[in-house]
Structures are given as structure tokens and as C-alpha cells.
Amino acid sequence: MAQSFWSQKPWWCQPWSILLTGAVIMAGSWLLFERWWLSALVSLPVLAWWGLFLVVVPYTTPVEEQES
């Protein structure tokens, strides 16, 4: 089910782009501020975003059948 869900999404909504964007945001917060607590605050919404869009949405969204 999850694979057909992702095949209907554009490149910017693929798992690799979601993970890469989140990792860059978390690493960027550390490189910019060098404070673990601030990076942790930045990481919480990123982790929630990952959980929502990489786990919850693919398994709860019905996939439309493509007609040939």
C-alpha cells in the first residue's frame, strides 16, 4: 500500500526529500546556534512532521486506482 501511495506524489513529497529537508534543518540549527537545547526544540516539530508524513499519512490515506 505505501509504495503505490508514494508513486503518486511529486519528487518534493517523496520520503527522501522529507528526510533530507528535516535533517538539514536539524543540522543547520546546531551549526547556527551550537546549543543542544535549541536544536532539540527545532527537532521536535521536525520529528513530528516525519511521523505524520512518513508513517501516519501513507497508511491512512486511501490510494486511488489509476485507470489505464
Foldseek 3Di string as FASTA:
>chain_A
DLVLVQVPDDPCLHLVNLVVVLVCQLVVQCVVPVDPVRSVVSNVVSVVVCCCSVPPVSVPDDHDDDDD
